[in-house]
Amino acid sequence: MNIKPIKTDSDYQDALDRLEKIFDAPVGTPESDEADILALLIDEYEKIHFPIEAPDPIEAIKIRMEEMNLKQVDLVPEIGGKSRVSEILNRKRKLTVDMIRRLTNKLNLSADLLIKDYQLSR
């Protein structure tokens, strides 16, 4: 086992190649331990070099609605009226603090995510 820090794109690719070779190693073997360590190193490198940004609030709401199989009308109690829901989801109007509070509970989304600023469409 010759594990080293991942400092370059070349190191990263080498680590991915090695992990692919030993990924299915039986648990308890040196290769399995190596795979576990490589996976951690790769994950850390990816967090730094390939960060994934959280979606804006409206995208987050739409994603969660799809996951929960909700329709716009299902958000009327949280947002207030069919036309208001449409305005919010079409970026014609900003979320209010009260809407954010209610959506946080209904959709189980972080308030930190919902309070982020986003562009209105014109």
PDB file of N, CA and C in Angstrom:
ATOM      1  N   MET A   1       0.860  -1.170   0.000  1.00  0.00           N
ATOM      2  CA  MET A   1       0.000   0.000   0.000  1.00  0.00           C
ATOM      3  C   MET A   1       0.903   1.230   0.000  1.00  0.00           C
ATOM      4  N   ASN A   2       0.741   2.051  -1.032  1.00  0.00           N
ATOM      5  CA  ASN A   2       1.564   3.247  -1.179  1.00  0.00           C
ATOM      6  C   ASN A   2       0.650   4.456  -1.358  1.00  0.00           C
ATOM      7  N   ILE A   3       0.023   4.877  -0.259  1.00  0.00           N
ATOM      8  CA  ILE A   3      -0.913   5.991  -0.319  1.00  0.00           C
ATOM      9  C   ILE A   3      -0.163   7.282  -0.047  1.00  0.00           C
ATOM     10  N   LYS A   4      -0.484   8.307  -0.861  1.00  0.00           N
ATOM     11  CA  LYS A   4       0.133   9.616  -0.673  1.00  0.00           C
ATOM     12  C   LYS A   4      -0.941  10.685  -0.854  1.00  0.00           C
ATOM     13  N   PRO A   5      -0.685  11.884  -0.355  1.00  0.00           N
ATOM     14  CA  PRO A   5      -1.668  12.959  -0.516  1.00  0.00           C
ATOM     15  C   PRO A   5      -1.937  13.242  -2.005  1.00  0.00           C
ATOM     16  N   ILE A   6      -3.142  13.725  -2.278  1.00  0.00           N
ATOM     17  CA  ILE A   6      -3.500  14.098  -3.639  1.00  0.00           C
ATOM     18  C   ILE A   6      -3.294  15.610  -3.748  1.00  0.00           C
ATOM     19  N   LYS A   7      -2.256  15.993  -4.512  1.00  0.00           N
ATOM     20  CA  LYS A   7      -1.904  17.410  -4.626  1.00  0.00           C
ATOM     21  C   LYS A   7      -2.119  17.967  -6.032  1.00  0.00           C
ATOM     22  N   THR A   8      -2.158  17.097  -7.031  1.00  0.00           N
ATOM     23  CA  THR A   8      -2.280  17.562  -8.413  1.00  0.00           C
ATOM     24  C   THR A   8      -3.390  16.797  -9.117  1.00  0.00           C
ATOM     25  N   ASP A   9      -3.759  17.280 -10.291  1.00  0.00           N
ATOM     26  CA  ASP A   9      -4.753  16.567 -11.090  1.00  0.00           C
ATOM     27  C   ASP A   9      -4.245  15.182 -11.466  1.00  0.00           C
ATOM     28  N   SER A  10      -2.950  15.069 -11.686  1.00  0.00           N
ATOM     29  CA  SER A  10      -2.350  13.770 -12.013  1.00  0.00           C
ATOM     30  C   SER A  10      -2.461  12.811 -10.825  1.00  0.00           C
ATOM     31  N   ASP A  11      -2.164  13.303  -9.625  1.00  0.00           N
ATOM     32  CA  ASP A  11      -2.329  12.484  -8.408  1.00  0.00           C
ATOM     33  C   ASP A  11      -3.783  12.033  -8.270  1.00  0.00           C
ATOM     34  N   TYR A  12      -4.697  12.944  -8.548  1.00  0.00           N
ATOM     35  CA  TYR A  12      -6.127  12.665  -8.454  1.00  0.00           C
ATOM     36  C   TYR A  12      -6.513  11.543  -9.421  1.00  0.00           C
ATOM     37  N   GLN A  13      -6.067  11.656 -10.651  1.00  0.00           N
ATOM     38  CA  GLN A  13      -6.386  10.632 -11.656  1.00  0.00           C
ATOM     39  C   GLN A  13      -5.776   9.284 -11.274  1.00  0.00           C
ATOM     40  N   ASP A  14      -4.537   9.304 -10.776  1.00  0.00           N
ATOM     41  CA  ASP A  14      -3.897   8.059 -10.321  1.00  0.00           C
ATOM     42  C   ASP A  14      -4.694   7.420  -9.187  1.00  0.00           C
ATOM     43  N   ALA A  15      -5.179   8.254  -8.257  1.00  0.00           N
ATOM     44  CA  ALA A  15      -5.962   7.739  -7.127  1.00  0.00           C
ATOM     45  C   ALA A  15      -7.280   7.142  -7.620  1.00  0.00           C
ATOM     46  N   LEU A  16      -7.932   7.809  -8.569  1.00  0.00           N
ATOM     47  CA  LEU A  16      -9.176   7.269  -9.137  1.00  0.00           C
ATOM     48  C   LEU A  16      -8.933   5.928  -9.825  1.00  0.00           C
ATOM     49  N   ASP A  17      -7.853   5.853 -10.598  1.00  0.00           N
ATOM     50  CA  ASP A  17      -7.514   4.606 -11.305  1.00  0.00           C
ATOM     51  C   ASP A  17      -7.260   3.481 -10.307  1.00  0.00           C
ATOM     52  N   ARG A  18      -6.501   3.780  -9.263  1.00  0.00           N
ATOM     53  CA  ARG A  18      -6.190   2.759  -8.253  1.00  0.00           C
ATOM     54  C   ARG A  18      -7.460   2.326  -7.519  1.00  0.00           C
ATOM     55  N   LEU A  19      -8.296   3.288  -7.159  1.00  0.00           N
ATOM     56  CA  LEU A  19      -9.536   2.949  -6.457  1.00  0.00           C
ATOM     57  C   LEU A  19     -10.418   2.054  -7.320  1.00  0.00           C
ATOM     58  N   GLU A  20     -10.458   2.331  -8.600  1.00  0.00           N
ATOM     59  CA  GLU A  20     -11.262   1.501  -9.506  1.00  0.00           C
ATOM     60  C   GLU A  20     -10.775   0.046  -9.501  1.00  0.00           C
ATOM     61  N   LYS A  21      -9.472  -0.142  -9.410  1.00  0.00           N
ATOM     62  CA  LYS A  21      -8.893  -1.493  -9.423  1.00  0.00           C
ATOM     63  C   LYS A  21      -9.181  -2.260  -8.139  1.00  0.00           C
ATOM     64  N   ILE A  22      -9.206  -1.555  -7.014  1.00  0.00           N
ATOM     65  CA  ILE A  22      -9.336  -2.255  -5.721  1.00  0.00           C
ATOM     66  C   ILE A  22     -10.700  -2.048  -5.060  1.00  0.00           C
ATOM     67  N   PHE A  23     -11.621  -1.423  -5.762  1.00  0.00           N
ATOM     68  CA  PHE A  23     -12.911  -1.053  -5.179  1.00  0.00           C
ATOM     69  C   PHE A  23     -13.656  -2.234  -4.570  1.00  0.00           C
ATOM     70  N   ASP A  24     -13.635  -3.381  -5.205  1.00  0.00           N
ATOM     71  CA  ASP A  24     -14.387  -4.547  -4.738  1.00  0.00           C
ATOM     72  C   ASP A  24     -13.562  -5.502  -3.883  1.00  0.00           C
ATOM     73  N   ALA A  25     -12.477  -4.995  -3.313  1.00  0.00           N
ATOM     74  CA  ALA A  25     -11.632  -5.851  -2.475  1.00  0.00           C
ATOM     75  C   ALA A  25     -12.438  -6.336  -1.262  1.00  0.00           C
ATOM     76  N   PRO A  26     -12.229  -7.588  -0.861  1.00  0.00           N
ATOM     77  CA  PRO A  26     -12.943  -8.114   0.307  1.00  0.00           C
ATOM     78  C   PRO A  26     -12.642  -7.301   1.568  1.00  0.00           C
ATOM     79  N   VAL A  27     -13.659  -7.075   2.375  1.00  0.00           N
ATOM     80  CA  VAL A  27     -13.508  -6.317   3.616  1.00  0.00           C
ATOM     81  C   VAL A  27     -12.486  -7.005   4.507  1.00  0.00           C
ATOM     82  N   GLY A  28     -11.646  -6.191   5.138  1.00  0.00           N
ATOM     83  CA  GLY A  28     -10.644  -6.732   6.057  1.00  0.00           C
ATOM     84  C   GLY A  28      -9.300  -6.966   5.396  1.00  0.00           C
ATOM     85  N   THR A  29      -9.219  -6.822   4.088  1.00  0.00           N
ATOM     86  CA  THR A  29      -7.945  -7.000   3.389  1.00  0.00           C
ATOM     87  C   THR A  29      -7.209  -5.659   3.328  1.00  0.00           C
ATOM     88  N   PRO A  30      -5.904  -5.692   3.125  1.00  0.00           N
ATOM     89  CA  PRO A  30      -5.154  -4.435   2.976  1.00  0.00           C
ATOM     90  C   PRO A  30      -5.706  -3.574   1.823  1.00  0.00           C
ATOM     91  N   GLU A  31      -6.158  -4.233   0.747  1.00  0.00           N
ATOM     92  CA  GLU A  31      -6.704  -3.476  -0.388  1.00  0.00           C
ATOM     93  C   GLU A  31      -8.007  -2.767   0.000  1.00  0.00           C
ATOM     94  N   SER A  32      -8.809  -3.407   0.820  1.00  0.00           N
ATOM     95  CA  SER A  32     -10.049  -2.781   1.280  1.00  0.00           C
ATOM     96  C   SER A  32      -9.741  -1.546   2.128  1.00  0.00           C
ATOM     97  N   ASP A  33      -8.757  -1.673   3.007  1.00  0.00           N
ATOM     98  CA  ASP A  33      -8.344  -0.531   3.824  1.00  0.00           C
ATOM     99  C   ASP A  33      -7.805   0.590   2.936  1.00  0.00           C
ATOM    100  N   GLU A  34      -7.024   0.227   1.945  1.00  0.00           N
ATOM    101  CA  GLU A  34      -6.473   1.205   1.007  1.00  0.00           C
ATOM    102  C   GLU A  34      -7.609   1.918   0.254  1.00  0.00           C
ATOM    103  N   ALA A  35      -8.613   1.169  -0.158  1.00  0.00           N
ATOM    104  CA  ALA A  35      -9.750   1.746  -0.873  1.00  0.00           C
ATOM    105  C   ALA A  35     -10.476   2.755   0.019  1.00  0.00           C
ATOM    106  N   ASP A  36     -10.656   2.422   1.287  1.00  0.00           N
ATOM    107  CA  ASP A  36     -11.323   3.339   2.220  1.00  0.00           C
ATOM    108  C   ASP A  36     -10.547   4.654   2.345  1.00  0.00           C
ATOM    109  N   ILE A  37      -9.232   4.545   2.484  1.00  0.00           N
ATOM    110  CA  ILE A  37      -8.393   5.744   2.636  1.00  0.00           C
ATOM    111  C   ILE A  37      -8.380   6.554   1.338  1.00  0.00           C
ATOM    112  N   LEU A  38      -8.253   5.878   0.218  1.00  0.00           N
ATOM    113  CA  LEU A  38      -8.264   6.576  -1.074  1.00  0.00           C
ATOM    114  C   LEU A  38      -9.590   7.315  -1.286  1.00  0.00           C
ATOM    115  N   ALA A  39     -10.679   6.682  -0.935  1.00  0.00           N
ATOM    116  CA  ALA A  39     -11.991   7.315  -1.099  1.00  0.00           C
ATOM    117  C   ALA A  39     -12.065   8.612  -0.292  1.00  0.00           C
ATOM    118  N   LEU A  40     -11.530   8.617   0.916  1.00  0.00           N
ATOM    119  CA  LEU A  40     -11.512   9.833   1.740  1.00  0.00           C
ATOM    120  C   LEU A  40     -10.641  10.920   1.109  1.00  0.00           C
ATOM    121  N   LEU A  41      -9.473  10.532   0.629  1.00  0.00           N
ATOM    122  CA  LEU A  41      -8.575  11.501  -0.004  1.00  0.00           C
ATOM    123  C   LEU A  41      -9.203  12.090  -1.276  1.00  0.00           C
ATOM    124  N   ILE A  42      -9.809  11.233  -2.066  1.00  0.00           N
ATOM    125  CA  ILE A  42     -10.459  11.679  -3.305  1.00  0.00           C
ATOM    126  C   ILE A  42     -11.610  12.625  -2.978  1.00  0.00           C
ATOM    127  N   ASP A  43     -12.419  12.269  -1.993  1.00  0.00           N
ATOM    128  CA  ASP A  43     -13.553  13.100  -1.596  1.00  0.00           C
ATOM    129  C   ASP A  43     -13.081  14.488  -1.166  1.00  0.00           C
ATOM    130  N   GLU A  44     -12.028  14.541  -0.383  1.00  0.00           N
ATOM    131  CA  GLU A  44     -11.501  15.830   0.092  1.00  0.00           C
ATOM    132  C   GLU A  44     -10.977  16.668  -1.073  1.00  0.00           C
ATOM    133  N   TYR A  45     -10.264  16.038  -1.991  1.00  0.00           N
ATOM    134  CA  TYR A  45      -9.744  16.746  -3.173  1.00  0.00           C
ATOM    135  C   TYR A  45     -10.901  17.303  -4.007  1.00  0.00           C
ATOM    136  N   GLU A  46     -11.946  16.505  -4.184  1.00  0.00           N
ATOM    137  CA  GLU A  46     -13.094  16.938  -4.988  1.00  0.00           C
ATOM    138  C   GLU A  46     -13.842  18.095  -4.322  1.00  0.00           C
ATOM    139  N   LYS A  47     -13.956  18.081  -3.005  1.00  0.00           N
ATOM    140  CA  LYS A  47     -14.631  19.174  -2.306  1.00  0.00           C
ATOM    141  C   LYS A  47     -13.916  20.505  -2.554  1.00  0.00           C
ATOM    142  N   ILE A  48     -12.598  20.450  -2.609  1.00  0.00           N
ATOM    143  CA  ILE A  48     -11.804  21.663  -2.799  1.00  0.00           C
ATOM    144  C   ILE A  48     -11.781  22.097  -4.267  1.00  0.00           C
ATOM    145  N   HIS A  49     -11.569  21.144  -5.166  1.00  0.00           N
ATOM    146  CA  HIS A  49     -11.355  21.478  -6.577  1.00  0.00           C
ATOM    147  C   HIS A  49     -12.597  21.434  -7.456  1.00  0.00           C
ATOM    148  N   PHE A  50     -13.642  20.756  -7.010  1.00  0.00           N
ATOM    149  CA  PHE A  50     -14.879  20.650  -7.789  1.00  0.00           C
ATOM    150  C   PHE A  50     -16.087  20.895  -6.891  1.00  0.00           C
ATOM    151  N   PRO A  51     -16.141  22.064  -6.230  1.00  0.00           N
ATOM    152  CA  PRO A  51     -17.250  22.296  -5.300  1.00  0.00           C
ATOM    153  C   PRO A  51     -18.590  22.347  -6.029  1.00  0.00           C
ATOM    154  N   ILE A  52     -19.600  21.860  -5.357  1.00  0.00           N
ATOM    155  CA  ILE A  52     -20.955  21.890  -5.900  1.00  0.00           C
ATOM    156  C   ILE A  52     -21.711  22.961  -5.131  1.00  0.00           C
ATOM    157  N   GLU A  53     -22.156  23.974  -5.832  1.00  0.00           N
ATOM    158  CA  GLU A  53     -22.893  25.045  -5.167  1.00  0.00           C
ATOM    159  C   GLU A  53     -24.341  24.628  -4.951  1.00  0.00           C
ATOM    160  N   ALA A  54     -24.870  25.081  -3.849  1.00  0.00           N
ATOM    161  CA  ALA A  54     -26.279  24.802  -3.559  1.00  0.00           C
ATOM    162  C   ALA A  54     -27.145  25.549  -4.574  1.00  0.00           C
ATOM    163  N   PRO A  55     -28.290  24.991  -4.903  1.00  0.00           N
ATOM    164  CA  PRO A  55     -29.181  25.688  -5.840  1.00  0.00           C
ATOM    165  C   PRO A  55     -29.728  26.962  -5.201  1.00  0.00           C
ATOM    166  N   ASP A  56     -30.193  27.887  -6.042  1.00  0.00           N
ATOM    167  CA  ASP A  56     -30.810  29.076  -5.469  1.00  0.00           C
ATOM    168  C   ASP A  56     -32.145  28.665  -4.826  1.00  0.00           C
ATOM    169  N   PRO A  57     -32.749  29.541  -4.024  1.00  0.00           N
ATOM    170  CA  PRO A  57     -33.955  29.160  -3.294  1.00  0.00           C
ATOM    171  C   PRO A  57     -35.086  28.622  -4.174  1.00  0.00           C
ATOM    172  N   ILE A  58     -35.322  29.249  -5.307  1.00  0.00           N
ATOM    173  CA  ILE A  58     -36.436  28.824  -6.158  1.00  0.00           C
ATOM    174  C   ILE A  58     -36.151  27.440  -6.750  1.00  0.00           C
ATOM    175  N   GLU A  59     -34.925  27.206  -7.197  1.00  0.00           N
ATOM    176  CA  GLU A  59     -34.567  25.874  -7.711  1.00  0.00           C
ATOM    177  C   GLU A  59     -34.696  24.832  -6.612  1.00  0.00           C
ATOM    178  N   ALA A  60     -34.270  25.180  -5.393  1.00  0.00           N
ATOM    179  CA  ALA A  60     -34.374  24.245  -4.270  1.00  0.00           C
ATOM    180  C   ALA A  60     -35.837  23.882  -4.003  1.00  0.00           C
ATOM    181  N   ILE A  61     -36.707  24.876  -4.048  1.00  0.00           N
ATOM    182  CA  ILE A  61     -38.139  24.616  -3.837  1.00  0.00           C
ATOM    183  C   ILE A  61     -38.671  23.703  -4.934  1.00  0.00           C
ATOM    184  N   LYS A  62     -38.317  23.998  -6.181  1.00  0.00           N
ATOM    185  CA  LYS A  62     -38.805  23.184  -7.306  1.00  0.00           C
ATOM    186  C   LYS A  62     -38.291  21.741  -7.219  1.00  0.00           C
ATOM    187  N   ILE A  63     -37.033  21.589  -6.846  1.00  0.00           N
ATOM    188  CA  ILE A  63     -36.453  20.239  -6.704  1.00  0.00           C
ATOM    189  C   ILE A  63     -37.198  19.471  -5.614  1.00  0.00           C
ATOM    190  N   ARG A  64     -37.415  20.126  -4.465  1.00  0.00           N
ATOM    191  CA  ARG A  64     -38.092  19.450  -3.360  1.00  0.00           C
ATOM    192  C   ARG A  64     -39.546  19.143  -3.718  1.00  0.00           C
ATOM    193  N   MET A  65     -40.201  20.045  -4.438  1.00  0.00           N
ATOM    194  CA  MET A  65     -41.578  19.783  -4.870  1.00  0.00           C
ATOM    195  C   MET A  65     -41.616  18.522  -5.729  1.00  0.00           C
ATOM    196  N   GLU A  66     -40.653  18.396  -6.633  1.00  0.00           N
ATOM    197  CA  GLU A  66     -40.604  17.211  -7.490  1.00  0.00           C
ATOM    198  C   GLU A  66     -40.350  15.961  -6.656  1.00  0.00           C
ATOM    199  N   GLU A  67     -39.418  16.045  -5.718  1.00  0.00           N
ATOM    200  CA  GLU A  67     -39.106  14.897  -4.852  1.00  0.00           C
ATOM    201  C   GLU A  67     -40.323  14.465  -4.038  1.00  0.00           C
ATOM    202  N   MET A  68     -41.114  15.449  -3.599  1.00  0.00           N
ATOM    203  CA  MET A  68     -42.277  15.161  -2.753  1.00  0.00           C
ATOM    204  C   MET A  68     -43.557  15.005  -3.574  1.00  0.00           C
ATOM    205  N   ASN A  69     -43.417  15.088  -4.886  1.00  0.00           N
ATOM    206  CA  ASN A  69     -44.551  14.949  -5.802  1.00  0.00           C
ATOM    207  C   ASN A  69     -45.651  15.982  -5.500  1.00  0.00           C
ATOM    208  N   LEU A  70     -45.215  17.228  -5.286  1.00  0.00           N
ATOM    209  CA  LEU A  70     -46.149  18.311  -4.982  1.00  0.00           C
ATOM    210  C   LEU A  70     -46.411  19.153  -6.223  1.00  0.00           C
ATOM    211  N   LYS A  71     -47.583  19.753  -6.255  1.00  0.00           N
ATOM    212  CA  LYS A  71     -47.948  20.687  -7.312  1.00  0.00           C
ATOM    213  C   LYS A  71     -47.954  22.099  -6.716  1.00  0.00           C
ATOM    214  N   GLN A  72     -48.004  23.099  -7.587  1.00  0.00           N
ATOM    215  CA  GLN A  72     -48.004  24.481  -7.101  1.00  0.00           C
ATOM    216  C   GLN A  72     -49.117  24.723  -6.090  1.00  0.00           C
ATOM    217  N   VAL A  73     -50.278  24.169  -6.345  1.00  0.00           N
ATOM    218  CA  VAL A  73     -51.428  24.384  -5.455  1.00  0.00           C
ATOM    219  C   VAL A  73     -51.134  23.878  -4.032  1.00  0.00           C
ATOM    220  N   ASP A  74     -50.238  22.906  -3.904  1.00  0.00           N
ATOM    221  CA  ASP A  74     -49.895  22.373  -2.584  1.00  0.00           C
ATOM    222  C   ASP A  74     -49.135  23.387  -1.725  1.00  0.00           C
ATOM    223  N   LEU A  75     -48.596  24.439  -2.348  1.00  0.00           N
ATOM    224  CA  LEU A  75     -47.850  25.454  -1.592  1.00  0.00           C
ATOM    225  C   LEU A  75     -48.693  26.683  -1.249  1.00  0.00           C
ATOM    226  N   VAL A  76     -49.970  26.674  -1.638  1.00  0.00           N
ATOM    227  CA  VAL A  76     -50.848  27.813  -1.348  1.00  0.00           C
ATOM    228  C   VAL A  76     -50.878  28.152   0.144  1.00  0.00           C
ATOM    229  N   PRO A  77     -51.012  27.168   1.058  1.00  0.00           N
ATOM    230  CA  PRO A  77     -51.044  27.526   2.484  1.00  0.00           C
ATOM    231  C   PRO A  77     -49.761  28.220   2.963  1.00  0.00           C
ATOM    232  N   GLU A  78     -48.630  27.878   2.363  1.00  0.00           N
ATOM    233  CA  GLU A  78     -47.347  28.447   2.792  1.00  0.00           C
ATOM    234  C   GLU A  78     -47.062  29.799   2.129  1.00  0.00           C
ATOM    235  N   ILE A  79     -47.533  29.956   0.899  1.00  0.00           N
ATOM    236  CA  ILE A  79     -47.189  31.153   0.134  1.00  0.00           C
ATOM    237  C   ILE A  79     -48.367  32.111   0.009  1.00  0.00           C
ATOM    238  N   GLY A  80     -49.592  31.582  -0.123  1.00  0.00           N
ATOM    239  CA  GLY A  80     -50.765  32.441  -0.153  1.00  0.00           C
ATOM    240  C   GLY A  80     -51.343  32.687  -1.523  1.00  0.00           C
ATOM    241  N   GLY A  81     -52.223  31.829  -1.969  1.00  0.00           N
ATOM    242  CA  GLY A  81     -52.913  32.032  -3.245  1.00  0.00           C
ATOM    243  C   GLY A  81     -52.166  31.440  -4.424  1.00  0.00           C
ATOM    244  N   LYS A  82     -52.938  30.909  -5.376  1.00  0.00           N
ATOM    245  CA  LYS A  82     -52.344  30.276  -6.562  1.00  0.00           C
ATOM    246  C   LYS A  82     -51.486  31.251  -7.353  1.00  0.00           C
ATOM    247  N   SER A  83     -51.973  32.477  -7.518  1.00  0.00           N
ATOM    248  CA  SER A  83     -51.208  33.437  -8.321  1.00  0.00           C
ATOM    249  C   SER A  83     -49.911  33.829  -7.611  1.00  0.00           C
ATOM    250  N   ARG A  84     -49.944  33.912  -6.290  1.00  0.00           N
ATOM    251  CA  ARG A  84     -48.725  34.253  -5.532  1.00  0.00           C
ATOM    252  C   ARG A  84     -47.695  33.133  -5.666  1.00  0.00           C
ATOM    253  N   VAL A  85     -48.141  31.874  -5.582  1.00  0.00           N
ATOM    254  CA  VAL A  85     -47.232  30.735  -5.753  1.00  0.00           C
ATOM    255  C   VAL A  85     -46.593  30.813  -7.142  1.00  0.00           C
ATOM    256  N   SER A  86     -47.403  31.077  -8.153  1.00  0.00           N
ATOM    257  CA  SER A  86     -46.897  31.176  -9.522  1.00  0.00           C
ATOM    258  C   SER A  86     -45.875  32.309  -9.646  1.00  0.00           C
ATOM    259  N   GLU A  87     -46.178  33.455  -9.036  1.00  0.00           N
ATOM    260  CA  GLU A  87     -45.247  34.590  -9.096  1.00  0.00           C
ATOM    261  C   GLU A  87     -43.906  34.241  -8.447  1.00  0.00           C
ATOM    262  N   ILE A  88     -43.959  33.560  -7.314  1.00  0.00           N
ATOM    263  CA  ILE A  88     -42.718  33.162  -6.623  1.00  0.00           C
ATOM    264  C   ILE A  88     -41.930  32.181  -7.486  1.00  0.00           C
ATOM    265  N   LEU A  89     -42.585  31.120  -7.950  1.00  0.00           N
ATOM    266  CA  LEU A  89     -41.877  30.075  -8.699  1.00  0.00           C
ATOM    267  C   LEU A  89     -41.405  30.550 -10.072  1.00  0.00           C
ATOM    268  N   ASN A  90     -42.020  31.612 -10.584  1.00  0.00           N
ATOM    269  CA  ASN A  90     -41.584  32.190 -11.854  1.00  0.00           C
ATOM    270  C   ASN A  90     -40.694  33.420 -11.658  1.00  0.00           C
ATOM    271  N   ARG A  91     -40.251  33.614 -10.413  1.00  0.00           N
ATOM    272  CA  ARG A  91     -39.300  34.671 -10.077  1.00  0.00           C
ATOM    273  C   ARG A  91     -39.821  36.078 -10.371  1.00  0.00           C
ATOM    274  N   LYS A  92     -41.105  36.262 -10.199  1.00  0.00           N
ATOM    275  CA  LYS A  92     -41.705  37.593 -10.392  1.00  0.00           C
ATOM    276  C   LYS A  92     -41.788  38.328  -9.050  1.00  0.00           C
ATOM    277  N   ARG A  93     -41.685  37.579  -7.968  1.00  0.00           N
ATOM    278  CA  ARG A  93     -41.826  38.131  -6.620  1.00  0.00           C
ATOM    279  C   ARG A  93     -40.847  37.390  -5.702  1.00  0.00           C
ATOM    280  N   LYS A  94     -40.321  38.112  -4.713  1.00  0.00           N
ATOM    281  CA  LYS A  94     -39.384  37.522  -3.748  1.00  0.00           C
ATOM    282  C   LYS A  94     -40.138  36.814  -2.618  1.00  0.00           C
ATOM    283  N   LEU A  95     -39.479  35.825  -2.045  1.00  0.00           N
ATOM    284  CA  LEU A  95     -40.004  35.158  -0.855  1.00  0.00           C
ATOM    285  C   LEU A  95     -39.980  36.136   0.321  1.00  0.00           C
ATOM    286  N   THR A  96     -40.984  36.068   1.174  1.00  0.00           N
ATOM    287  CA  THR A  96     -40.987  36.872   2.400  1.00  0.00           C
ATOM    288  C   THR A  96     -40.473  36.001   3.550  1.00  0.00           C
ATOM    289  N   VAL A  97     -40.184  36.628   4.670  1.00  0.00           N
ATOM    290  CA  VAL A  97     -39.709  35.889   5.847  1.00  0.00           C
ATOM    291  C   VAL A  97     -40.758  34.868   6.289  1.00  0.00           C
ATOM    292  N   ASP A  98     -42.039  35.263   6.288  1.00  0.00           N
ATOM    293  CA  ASP A  98     -43.094  34.326   6.689  1.00  0.00           C
ATOM    294  C   ASP A  98     -43.180  33.138   5.739  1.00  0.00           C
ATOM    295  N   MET A  99     -43.073  33.405   4.442  1.00  0.00           N
ATOM    296  CA  MET A  99     -43.093  32.308   3.459  1.00  0.00           C
ATOM    297  C   MET A  99     -41.929  31.351   3.717  1.00  0.00           C
ATOM    298  N   ILE A 100     -40.768  31.915   3.964  1.00  0.00           N
ATOM    299  CA  ILE A 100     -39.571  31.090   4.207  1.00  0.00           C
ATOM    300  C   ILE A 100     -39.781  30.209   5.434  1.00  0.00           C
ATOM    301  N   ARG A 101     -40.332  30.789   6.495  1.00  0.00           N
ATOM    302  CA  ARG A 101     -40.595  29.995   7.712  1.00  0.00           C
ATOM    303  C   ARG A 101     -41.523  28.821   7.412  1.00  0.00           C
ATOM    304  N   ARG A 102     -42.610  29.111   6.705  1.00  0.00           N
ATOM    305  CA  ARG A 102     -43.587  28.052   6.426  1.00  0.00           C
ATOM    306  C   ARG A 102     -43.025  27.018   5.442  1.00  0.00           C
ATOM    307  N   LEU A 103     -42.282  27.475   4.431  1.00  0.00           N
ATOM    308  CA  LEU A 103     -41.701  26.539   3.456  1.00  0.00           C
ATOM    309  C   LEU A 103     -40.629  25.655   4.096  1.00  0.00           C
ATOM    310  N   THR A 104     -39.884  26.224   5.041  1.00  0.00           N
ATOM    311  CA  THR A 104     -38.873  25.440   5.753  1.00  0.00           C
ATOM    312  C   THR A 104     -39.523  24.225   6.402  1.00  0.00           C
ATOM    313  N   ASN A 105     -40.661  24.436   7.036  1.00  0.00           N
ATOM    314  CA  ASN A 105     -41.375  23.326   7.691  1.00  0.00           C
ATOM    315  C   ASN A 105     -42.015  22.381   6.683  1.00  0.00           C
ATOM    316  N   LYS A 106     -42.722  22.929   5.716  1.00  0.00           N
ATOM    317  CA  LYS A 106     -43.454  22.100   4.745  1.00  0.00           C
ATOM    318  C   LYS A 106     -42.508  21.238   3.906  1.00  0.00           C
ATOM    319  N   LEU A 107     -41.411  21.856   3.422  1.00  0.00           N
ATOM    320  CA  LEU A 107     -40.521  21.164   2.480  1.00  0.00           C
ATOM    321  C   LEU A 107     -39.276  20.585   3.138  1.00  0.00           C
ATOM    322  N   ASN A 108     -39.133  20.826   4.444  1.00  0.00           N
ATOM    323  CA  ASN A 108     -37.959  20.354   5.169  1.00  0.00           C
ATOM    324  C   ASN A 108     -36.669  20.840   4.493  1.00  0.00           C
ATOM    325  N   LEU A 109     -36.650  22.132   4.189  1.00  0.00           N
ATOM    326  CA  LEU A 109     -35.467  22.766   3.604  1.00  0.00           C
ATOM    327  C   LEU A 109     -34.850  23.690   4.641  1.00  0.00           C
ATOM    328  N   SER A 110     -33.573  23.898   4.545  1.00  0.00           N
ATOM    329  CA  SER A 110     -32.861  24.780   5.447  1.00  0.00           C
ATOM    330  C   SER A 110     -33.257  26.234   5.202  1.00  0.00           C
ATOM    331  N   ALA A 111     -33.494  26.970   6.260  1.00  0.00           N
ATOM    332  CA  ALA A 111     -33.785  28.399   6.115  1.00  0.00           C
ATOM    333  C   ALA A 111     -32.593  29.114   5.488  1.00  0.00           C
ATOM    334  N   ASP A 112     -31.374  28.654   5.800  1.00  0.00           N
ATOM    335  CA  ASP A 112     -30.174  29.254   5.202  1.00  0.00           C
ATOM    336  C   ASP A 112     -30.223  29.183   3.681  1.00  0.00           C
ATOM    337  N   LEU A 113     -30.740  28.092   3.169  1.00  0.00           N
ATOM    338  CA  LEU A 113     -30.850  27.928   1.718  1.00  0.00           C
ATOM    339  C   LEU A 113     -31.914  28.868   1.154  1.00  0.00           C
ATOM    340  N   LEU A 114     -33.034  28.971   1.835  1.00  0.00           N
ATOM    341  CA  LEU A 114     -34.151  29.766   1.322  1.00  0.00           C
ATOM    342  C   LEU A 114     -33.952  31.277   1.443  1.00  0.00           C
ATOM    343  N   ILE A 115     -33.077  31.727   2.352  1.00  0.00           N
ATOM    344  CA  ILE A 115     -32.883  33.175   2.496  1.00  0.00           C
ATOM    345  C   ILE A 115     -31.855  33.736   1.520  1.00  0.00           C
ATOM    346  N   LYS A 116     -31.171  32.867   0.782  1.00  0.00           N
ATOM    347  CA  LYS A 116     -30.189  33.356  -0.189  1.00  0.00           C
ATOM    348  C   LYS A 116     -30.873  34.236  -1.234  1.00  0.00           C
ATOM    349  N   ASP A 117     -30.148  35.239  -1.678  1.00  0.00           N
ATOM    350  CA  ASP A 117     -30.694  36.140  -2.675  1.00  0.00           C
ATOM    351  C   ASP A 117     -30.734  35.461  -4.035  1.00  0.00           C
ATOM    352  N   TYR A 118     -31.646  35.889  -4.871  1.00  0.00           N
ATOM    353  CA  TYR A 118     -31.764  35.351  -6.226  1.00  0.00           C
ATOM    354  C   TYR A 118     -32.333  36.431  -7.123  1.00  0.00           C
ATOM    355  N   GLN A 119     -32.116  36.281  -8.405  1.00  0.00           N
ATOM    356  CA  GLN A 119     -32.564  37.269  -9.381  1.00  0.00           C
ATOM    357  C   GLN A 119     -34.038  37.080  -9.715  1.00  0.00           C
ATOM    358  N   LEU A 120     -34.735  38.191  -9.796  1.00  0.00           N
ATOM    359  CA  LEU A 120     -36.106  38.156 -10.303  1.00  0.00           C
ATOM    360  C   LEU A 120     -36.029  38.208 -11.824  1.00  0.00           C
ATOM    361  N   SER A 121     -36.993  37.587 -12.473  1.00  0.00           N
ATOM    362  CA  SER A 121     -37.025  37.684 -13.938  1.00  0.00           C
ATOM    363  C   SER A 121     -37.861  38.895 -14.316  1.00  0.00           C
ATOM    364  N   ARG A 122     -37.499  39.487 -15.371  1.00  0.00           N
ATOM    365  CA  ARG A 122     -38.190  40.714 -15.791  1.00  0.00           C
ATOM    366  C   ARG A 122     -39.159  40.438 -16.912  1.00  0.00           C
TER     367      ARG A 122
END
